[in-house]
Amino acid sequence: MSNSHKTFTRRTFGKMIGGGLVGATALTGGPWIISARGEETIKLGGLFHMTGPGSIWGPMMQQCMMLAVDEINQSGGVLGRQLEMLAEDDATSTDMVVQKGSKLVQRDGVSALFGVVYSSVRAALAANVAERFRVPYFYPTYWESQT
């Protein structure tokens, strides 16, 4: 009898984040864009539901992201560069996620965005920040159904 159940570990999460970042870097112009900016680290923007109705997920997601970034950095980083995560509380709000996401991209200079569970907040971030500023956006998926 085989056990086909696969566990989701911190290492798996780290590989997904690292793979996503490498893919995002390639899609957005490759490592020469990052080095052309003169950045020593690759900045990632994390938007988490730390307050509001989605706050049950925010702290856990932020901690998982921090663990993944730490693990990737301990393994040599991505393309030889260390990762730096800048985290913001989106308050589970469409207005706040657009405000905080725009800040992360425009002022803080992040190369990619991560996070957001609620679909309405996720859609606001995707349309008003990620697409507008052409920044890769990675988010967790949950099956959303009425049945």
Protein backbone atom coordinates (compact mmCIF):
# COMPACT_ATOMS: atom_id res chain seq x y z
CA MET A 1 0.00 0.00 0.00
CA SER A 2 1.59 3.25 -1.07
CA ASN A 3 1.07 6.59 0.51
CA SER A 4 0.47 9.09 -2.28
CA HIS A 5 -0.16 11.90 0.18
CA LYS A 6 2.49 14.57 -0.20
CA THR A 7 3.35 16.86 2.65
CA PHE A 8 3.91 20.56 2.23
CA THR A 9 7.11 21.44 4.05
CA ARG A 10 9.10 24.59 4.63
CA ARG A 11 11.66 23.27 2.15
CA THR A 12 8.95 22.80 -0.51
CA PHE A 13 7.70 26.34 0.15
CA GLY A 14 11.24 27.67 -0.14
CA LYS A 15 11.75 25.91 -3.45
CA MET A 16 8.48 27.34 -4.75
CA ILE A 17 9.45 30.87 -3.69
CA GLY A 18 12.95 30.50 -5.15
CA GLY A 19 11.63 29.02 -8.38
CA GLY A 20 9.01 31.72 -8.62
CA LEU A 21 11.58 34.42 -8.08
CA VAL A 22 13.95 33.01 -10.69
CA GLY A 23 11.04 32.77 -13.12
CA ALA A 24 9.89 36.28 -12.27
CA THR A 25 13.39 37.62 -12.77
CA ALA A 26 13.58 35.97 -16.18
CA LEU A 27 10.15 37.29 -17.18
CA THR A 28 10.92 40.85 -16.10
CA GLY A 29 14.20 41.18 -17.93
CA GLY A 30 16.61 38.88 -16.16
CA PRO A 31 19.32 39.51 -13.60
CA TRP A 32 20.83 42.36 -15.62
CA ILE A 33 17.79 44.48 -14.69
CA ILE A 34 18.43 43.82 -11.01
CA SER A 35 22.15 44.54 -11.29
CA ALA A 36 21.46 47.59 -13.43
CA ARG A 37 19.58 49.04 -10.48
CA GLY A 38 22.71 48.62 -8.38
CA GLU A 39 20.91 46.63 -5.71
CA GLU A 40 22.92 44.40 -3.45
CA THR A 41 19.82 42.45 -2.47
CA ILE A 42 16.67 41.43 -4.28
CA LYS A 43 13.77 43.09 -2.52
CA LEU A 44 10.49 41.20 -2.24
CA GLY A 45 7.23 42.77 -1.12
CA GLY A 46 4.97 40.78 1.16
CA LEU A 47 1.39 41.89 1.74
CA PHE A 48 -0.26 40.06 4.60
CA HIS A 49 -3.65 40.22 6.32
CA MET A 50 -2.29 41.12 9.76
CA THR A 51 -5.48 42.93 10.78
CA GLY A 52 -9.07 42.79 9.61
CA PRO A 53 -11.18 39.71 8.87
CA GLY A 54 -8.30 37.82 7.21
CA SER A 55 -5.94 38.24 10.15
CA ILE A 56 -6.15 34.53 10.98
CA TRP A 57 -3.89 33.88 7.95
CA GLY A 58 -1.59 36.92 7.88
CA PRO A 59 0.88 36.13 10.67
CA MET A 60 1.31 32.53 9.50
CA MET A 61 1.89 33.59 5.89
CA GLN A 62 4.41 36.23 6.93
CA GLN A 63 6.32 33.76 9.10
CA CYS A 64 6.38 31.18 6.28
CA MET A 65 7.67 33.77 3.85
CA MET A 66 10.37 34.86 6.31
CA LEU A 67 11.43 31.23 6.82
CA ALA A 68 11.60 30.66 3.06
CA VAL A 69 13.65 33.82 2.52
CA ASP A 70 16.03 32.84 5.34
CA GLU A 71 16.45 29.34 3.92
CA ILE A 72 17.10 30.63 0.40
CA ASN A 73 19.63 33.16 1.72
CA GLN A 74 21.42 30.46 3.73
CA SER A 75 21.67 28.41 0.52
CA GLY A 76 23.41 31.23 -1.33
CA GLY A 77 20.46 33.36 -2.39
CA VAL A 78 19.06 33.68 -5.90
CA LEU A 79 21.50 34.27 -8.73
CA GLY A 80 24.12 34.99 -6.08
CA ARG A 81 22.08 37.73 -4.43
CA GLN A 82 20.49 37.70 -1.01
CA LEU A 83 16.75 38.24 -0.65
CA GLU A 84 15.21 40.94 1.51
CA MET A 85 11.52 40.79 2.40
CA LEU A 86 9.64 44.00 3.09
CA ALA A 87 6.30 43.24 4.76
CA GLU A 88 3.16 45.36 4.96
CA ASP A 89 -0.23 44.85 6.61
CA ASP A 90 -2.95 45.17 3.99
CA ALA A 91 -5.64 45.14 6.72
CA THR A 92 -7.64 42.73 4.51
CA SER A 93 -8.73 45.84 2.60
CA THR A 94 -8.82 46.51 -1.13
CA ASP A 95 -7.95 50.18 -0.64
CA MET A 96 -5.13 49.45 1.80
CA VAL A 97 -3.58 46.71 -0.36
CA VAL A 98 -3.40 49.09 -3.32
CA GLN A 99 -1.85 51.81 -1.13
CA LYS A 100 0.69 49.48 0.52
CA GLY A 101 1.44 47.57 -2.69
CA SER A 102 2.09 50.80 -4.58
CA LYS A 103 4.43 51.94 -1.80
CA LEU A 104 6.37 48.67 -1.95
CA VAL A 105 6.83 48.97 -5.72
CA GLN A 106 7.32 52.70 -6.18
CA ARG A 107 9.12 53.79 -3.03
CA ASP A 108 10.76 50.60 -1.76
CA GLY A 109 11.66 49.18 -5.19
CA VAL A 110 10.57 45.56 -4.73
CA SER A 111 11.11 43.18 -7.64
CA ALA A 112 8.05 41.00 -6.93
CA LEU A 113 4.98 40.90 -4.70
CA PHE A 114 3.78 37.97 -2.59
CA GLY A 115 0.79 37.26 -0.38
CA VAL A 116 -2.92 38.05 0.04
CA VAL A 117 -5.55 35.39 0.68
CA TYR A 118 -8.91 37.13 0.19
CA SER A 119 -9.86 37.05 -3.49
CA SER A 120 -11.27 40.59 -3.56
CA VAL A 121 -8.07 41.99 -2.04
CA ARG A 122 -5.96 39.83 -4.35
CA ALA A 123 -7.85 41.10 -7.42
CA ALA A 124 -7.37 44.72 -6.34
CA LEU A 125 -3.63 44.20 -5.91
CA ALA A 126 -3.28 42.37 -9.23
CA ALA A 127 -5.18 44.95 -11.28
CA ASN A 128 -4.10 48.17 -9.59
CA VAL A 129 -0.50 47.43 -8.68
CA ALA A 130 1.01 44.31 -10.27
CA GLU A 131 -0.39 44.90 -13.76
CA ARG A 132 -0.06 48.68 -13.62
CA PHE A 133 3.61 48.63 -12.59
CA ARG A 134 4.43 45.34 -14.39
CA VAL A 135 5.61 43.57 -11.25
CA PRO A 136 5.28 39.78 -10.89
CA TYR A 137 2.74 38.81 -8.24
CA PHE A 138 2.61 35.41 -6.51
CA TYR A 139 -0.19 34.39 -4.17
CA PRO A 140 -1.49 31.30 -2.41
CA THR A 141 -4.48 29.68 -4.04
CA TYR A 142 -7.40 28.26 -2.18
CA TRP A 143 -10.37 26.61 -3.77
CA GLU A 144 -13.16 29.15 -3.58
CA SER A 145 -16.58 27.65 -4.09
CA GLN A 146 -20.11 28.03 -2.85
CA THR A 147 -20.64 24.27 -2.58
